[in-house]
C-alpha atoms as a PDB file:
ATOM      1  CA  UNK A   1     -15.640  22.180  10.959  1.00  0.00           C
ATOM      2  CA  UNK A   2     -14.210  18.670  11.417  1.00  0.00           C
ATOM      3  CA  UNK A   3     -12.763  17.372  14.685  1.00  0.00           C
ATOM      4  CA  UNK A   4     -10.248  14.556  14.826  1.00  0.00           C
ATOM      5  CA  UNK A   5      -7.543  12.832  16.811  1.00  0.00           C
ATOM      6  CA  UNK A   6      -3.950  12.111  15.685  1.00  0.00           C
ATOM      7  CA  UNK A   7      -1.481   9.838  17.463  1.00  0.00           C
ATOM      8  CA  UNK A   8       1.801  11.656  16.785  1.00  0.00           C
ATOM      9  CA  UNK A   9       3.772   8.368  16.823  1.00  0.00           C
ATOM     10  CA  UNK A  10       1.777   7.233  13.784  1.00  0.00           C
ATOM     11  CA  UNK A  11       3.528   9.637  11.381  1.00  0.00           C
ATOM     12  CA  UNK A  12       6.559   8.747   9.223  1.00  0.00           C
ATOM     13  CA  UNK A  13       9.769  10.493  10.074  1.00  0.00           C
ATOM     14  CA  UNK A  14      10.154  13.627   7.937  1.00  0.00           C
ATOM     15  CA  UNK A  15       6.406  14.172   7.481  1.00  0.00           C
ATOM     16  CA  UNK A  16       5.457  17.814   7.330  1.00  0.00           C
ATOM     17  CA  UNK A  17       2.057  19.412   7.028  1.00  0.00           C
ATOM     18  CA  UNK A  18       2.309  22.934   5.865  1.00  0.00           C
ATOM     19  CA  UNK A  19      -0.660  23.746   3.572  1.00  0.00           C
ATOM     20  CA  UNK A  20      -3.538  22.837   5.948  1.00  0.00           C
ATOM     21  CA  UNK A  21      -4.391  24.914   9.089  1.00  0.00           C
ATOM     22  CA  UNK A  22      -5.103  22.756  12.069  1.00  0.00           C
ATOM     23  CA  UNK A  23      -6.394  24.122  15.422  1.00  0.00           C
ATOM     24  CA  UNK A  24      -5.039  22.000  18.223  1.00  0.00           C
ATOM     25  CA  UNK A  25      -7.668  21.739  21.024  1.00  0.00           C
ATOM     26  CA  UNK A  26      -5.940  19.325  23.294  1.00  0.00           C
ATOM     27  CA  UNK A  27      -2.749  17.375  23.696  1.00  0.00           C
ATOM     28  CA  UNK A  28      -2.455  14.391  25.967  1.00  0.00           C
ATOM     29  CA  UNK A  29      -0.241  11.416  26.583  1.00  0.00           C
ATOM     30  CA  UNK A  30      -1.732   7.892  27.278  1.00  0.00           C
ATOM     31  CA  UNK A  31      -0.275   4.504  28.082  1.00  0.00           C
ATOM     32  CA  UNK A  32      -2.153   2.176  25.759  1.00  0.00           C
ATOM     33  CA  UNK A  33      -2.429  -1.450  26.620  1.00  0.00           C
ATOM     34  CA  UNK A  34      -3.957  -2.215  23.221  1.00  0.00           C
ATOM     35  CA  UNK A  35      -0.803  -1.261  21.361  1.00  0.00           C
ATOM     36  CA  UNK A  36       0.367  -4.012  18.937  1.00  0.00           C
ATOM     37  CA  UNK A  37       3.890  -5.454  19.238  1.00  0.00           C
ATOM     38  CA  UNK A  38       5.113  -2.931  16.661  1.00  0.00           C
ATOM     39  CA  UNK A  39       3.584   0.093  18.341  1.00  0.00           C
ATOM     40  CA  UNK A  40       4.947   2.032  21.319  1.00  0.00           C
ATOM     41  CA  UNK A  41       2.789   1.810  24.446  1.00  0.00           C
ATOM     42  CA  UNK A  42       2.932   5.515  25.208  1.00  0.00           C
ATOM     43  CA  UNK A  43       1.068   7.709  22.769  1.00  0.00           C
ATOM     44  CA  UNK A  44       0.937  11.424  22.332  1.00  0.00           C
ATOM     45  CA  UNK A  45      -2.620  12.365  21.227  1.00  0.00           C
ATOM     46  CA  UNK A  46      -3.331  15.532  19.366  1.00  0.00           C
ATOM     47  CA  UNK A  47      -7.088  16.552  19.242  1.00  0.00           C
ATOM     48  CA  UNK A  48      -7.592  19.040  16.422  1.00  0.00           C
ATOM     49  CA  UNK A  49     -10.063  20.858  14.325  1.00  0.00           C
ATOM     50  CA  UNK A  50      -9.832  21.519  10.534  1.00  0.00           C
ATOM     51  CA  UNK A  51     -11.976  23.609   8.215  1.00  0.00           C
ATOM     52  CA  UNK A  52     -14.403  21.823   5.835  1.00  0.00           C
ATOM     53  CA  UNK A  53     -12.534  23.288   2.934  1.00  0.00           C
ATOM     54  CA  UNK A  54      -9.214  21.617   3.992  1.00  0.00           C
ATOM     55  CA  UNK A  55     -10.699  18.109   4.840  1.00  0.00           C
ATOM     56  CA  UNK A  56      -9.861  16.418   1.476  1.00  0.00           C
ATOM     57  CA  UNK A  57      -6.236  17.821   1.570  1.00  0.00           C
ATOM     58  CA  UNK A  58      -5.695  16.698   5.171  1.00  0.00           C
ATOM     59  CA  UNK A  59      -7.023  13.175   4.397  1.00  0.00           C
ATOM     60  CA  UNK A  60      -4.662  12.897   1.419  1.00  0.00           C
ATOM     61  CA  UNK A  61      -1.693  14.068   3.616  1.00  0.00           C
ATOM     62  CA  UNK A  62      -2.557  11.527   6.257  1.00  0.00           C
ATOM     63  CA  UNK A  63      -2.779   8.768   3.697  1.00  0.00           C
ATOM     64  CA  UNK A  64       0.816   9.637   2.677  1.00  0.00           C
ATOM     65  CA  UNK A  65       2.218  10.410   6.108  1.00  0.00           C
ATOM     66  CA  UNK A  66       0.955   7.512   8.169  1.00  0.00           C
ATOM     67  CA  UNK A  67       3.389   4.751   8.960  1.00  0.00           C
ATOM     68  CA  UNK A  68       2.555   1.627   6.976  1.00  0.00           C
ATOM     69  CA  UNK A  69       4.920  -0.788   8.717  1.00  0.00           C
ATOM     70  CA  UNK A  70       6.126  -1.906  11.090  1.00  0.00           C
ATOM     71  CA  UNK A  71       2.658  -1.695  12.718  1.00  0.00           C
ATOM     72  CA  UNK A  72      -0.277  -0.046  11.061  1.00  0.00           C
ATOM     73  CA  UNK A  73      -1.893   3.152  11.941  1.00  0.00           C
ATOM     74  CA  UNK A  74      -4.935   5.213  11.057  1.00  0.00           C
ATOM     75  CA  UNK A  75      -6.163   8.711  11.616  1.00  0.00           C
ATOM     76  CA  UNK A  76      -9.748   9.986  11.625  1.00  0.00           C
ATOM     77  CA  UNK A  77     -11.810  13.125  11.816  1.00  0.00           C
ATOM     78  CA  UNK A  78     -15.502  13.880  11.527  1.00  0.00           C
ATOM     79  CA  UNK A  79     -18.201  16.508  11.573  1.00  0.00           C
ATOM     80  CA  UNK A  80     -21.769  16.181  12.340  1.00  0.00           C
ATOM     81  CA  UNK A  81     -22.615  14.290   9.140  1.00  0.00           C
ATOM     82  CA  UNK A  82     -19.608  12.513   7.759  1.00  0.00           C
ATOM     83  CA  UNK A  83     -16.514  10.675   8.939  1.00  0.00           C
ATOM     84  CA  UNK A  84     -13.026  10.290   7.347  1.00  0.00           C
ATOM     85  CA  UNK A  85     -10.866   7.268   8.423  1.00  0.00           C
ATOM     86  CA  UNK A  86      -7.455   7.277   6.760  1.00  0.00           C
ATOM     87  CA  UNK A  87      -5.037   4.418   6.656  1.00  0.00           C
ATOM     88  CA  UNK A  88      -1.631   4.465   4.827  1.00  0.00           C
ATOM     89  CA  UNK A  89      -2.542   5.034   1.076  1.00  0.00           C
ATOM     90  CA  UNK A  90      -6.278   4.515   1.696  1.00  0.00           C
ATOM     91  CA  UNK A  91      -9.046   6.990   2.552  1.00  0.00           C
ATOM     92  CA  UNK A  92     -12.513   6.085   3.615  1.00  0.00           C
ATOM     93  CA  UNK A  93     -15.168   8.823   3.712  1.00  0.00           C
ATOM     94  CA  UNK A  94     -18.777   7.891   4.714  1.00  0.00           C
ATOM     95  CA  UNK A  95     -21.884   9.430   6.072  1.00  0.00           C
ATOM     96  CA  UNK A  96     -22.248   8.934   9.856  1.00  0.00           C
ATOM     97  CA  UNK A  97     -24.827   6.154  10.209  1.00  0.00           C
ATOM     98  CA  UNK A  98     -23.685   4.468   6.985  1.00  0.00           C
ATOM     99  CA  UNK A  99     -23.052   1.000   8.428  1.00  0.00           C
ATOM    100  CA  UNK A 100     -21.652  -0.388   5.161  1.00  0.00           C
ATOM    101  CA  UNK A 101     -19.191   2.461   4.797  1.00  0.00           C
ATOM    102  CA  UNK A 102     -18.008   2.065   8.423  1.00  0.00           C
ATOM    103  CA  UNK A 103     -17.777  -1.770   8.007  1.00  0.00           C
ATOM    104  CA  UNK A 104     -15.513  -1.250   4.884  1.00  0.00           C
ATOM    105  CA  UNK A 105     -13.151   0.872   6.866  1.00  0.00           C
ATOM    106  CA  UNK A 106     -13.096  -1.585   9.799  1.00  0.00           C
ATOM    107  CA  UNK A 107     -12.568  -4.557   7.477  1.00  0.00           C
ATOM    108  CA  UNK A 108      -9.656  -2.698   5.925  1.00  0.00           C
ATOM    109  CA  UNK A 109      -8.039  -2.074   9.254  1.00  0.00           C
ATOM    110  CA  UNK A 110      -8.431  -5.700  10.145  1.00  0.00           C
ATOM    111  CA  UNK A 111      -6.799  -6.818   7.035  1.00  0.00           C
ATOM    112  CA  UNK A 112      -3.837  -4.522   7.695  1.00  0.00           C
ATOM    113  CA  UNK A 113      -3.520  -5.891  11.227  1.00  0.00           C
ATOM    114  CA  UNK A 114      -4.821  -3.025  13.292  1.00  0.00           C
ATOM    115  CA  UNK A 115      -5.678  -4.468  16.741  1.00  0.00           C
ATOM    116  CA  UNK A 116      -9.465  -5.116  17.117  1.00  0.00           C
ATOM    117  CA  UNK A 117      -9.731  -2.769  20.123  1.00  0.00           C
ATOM    118  CA  UNK A 118      -8.334   0.094  18.070  1.00  0.00           C
ATOM    119  CA  UNK A 119     -11.066  -0.202  15.525  1.00  0.00           C
ATOM    120  CA  UNK A 120     -13.561   1.449  17.872  1.00  0.00           C
ATOM    121  CA  UNK A 121     -13.660   4.990  16.546  1.00  0.00           C
ATOM    122  CA  UNK A 122     -17.511   5.054  16.726  1.00  0.00           C
ATOM    123  CA  UNK A 123     -19.746   7.399  14.836  1.00  0.00           C
END
């Protein structure tokens, strides 16, 4: 089972997930002072779980559904051994503890303009 977080404002209008089962474990709203100029400051955060068998499909869906501009977003989810970090049209999947894999995802986020303080997903 993977666990992840999705900021609902990161999804393109009209995006619809209908072939992957998510279990929502928590919903919260936060005021985020690290929002870029193109991001809203109030975020609705969905904490979720997804079965291992659906992880690849969910990652592919995020890669297609995340807003690419204005502003840049990512989504991520992990289990005890690996981590998916997904940007618009780009999926990173690396073993937890793989510093090179994590660095590649962080570098990609920087190149896209994701604010530095948002590249703190940890492992």
